[in-house]
């Protein structure tokens, strides 16, 4: 039982991307304020353990506060779960069986399969290039990676997810410091909107990338989050982009670029894509990569990066 809020949260006094202290508060409400529980209930997969903690412990004392950086205009929650709180969230507060069933019923994502095929072709001179899925979940992408011939690694803080991936032919890791300059491809899909220090994590991932490696980062596109906040505060539309425990960072294509640059990466340019075309990719593959990694795609924004 959580009795002390200070062990459960981290207060982000600086912008998570540029470290500026200047910011304006766009919205602020306590989790235990009247009606806020209805906003929390937009999460369909909270377990009985979460609601027991919420009603009987410091879990209901958290602050849902949205800030915008004065310098880079990144939008983020100021008070977020600590490492201990994240452990509770993913190992106790979210219903593991409901989530597993949910993900098992999702349709096959064709563009992920196409993406891993294109990346494998890019590294066709390597007998078995290395790929890590950071935040691998229930292993849908690593399963494709193994099938395409990558030596595949998975990183996830959910113990049940690691158990689920155990027989997929992947290596489960929990320490990036042992894999410096090791991975040819790093896949970070729908992860960094969840973490308290996205800049620190991407810097660490950059150290794990080979000099010729590529890292793909994607997350929900939050271009219209301020408009939604103004017109529909505490709505399901807002919850999808900035939720009390999970979606704590509201990225756009521009702030995703800034995250990469501040971490020692460079977004792939059109020149880079034409180099890929000249040596490895067909026109159809080149068009696919440009469409998926330069422009926003649907509800997400994603970019391919290389080391500076």
Foldseek 3Di string as FASTA:
>chain_A
DAADVVQWKDFACAPLQPRHNDKDWLDKDFLPPPPNVVLQVLPPFFDPQQVCCCVPHCVRGDMAIWIAHPPQRWIFGRMATDPVNVLCVQAPGGHPVVVVVVVVPDDQDVLLLLVLLLLCLLVVVDQAAAEEEEQCFQPSNVLSNVVNRHQYEYEHSHPVSCVNCVPSNHHYDHDLVVQFQHHQEYEYEAHLLFDPNLLVVLLSVQRNHHQNHKYKHKHFAQPCLSVCCVPPNSDSVNCVQPNRHGRGTHDHLSSVQSSQVSSQKHFDDPVNLVVCCVPTDPPVSSVSQCVQAVDADPRMHMTMIHGD
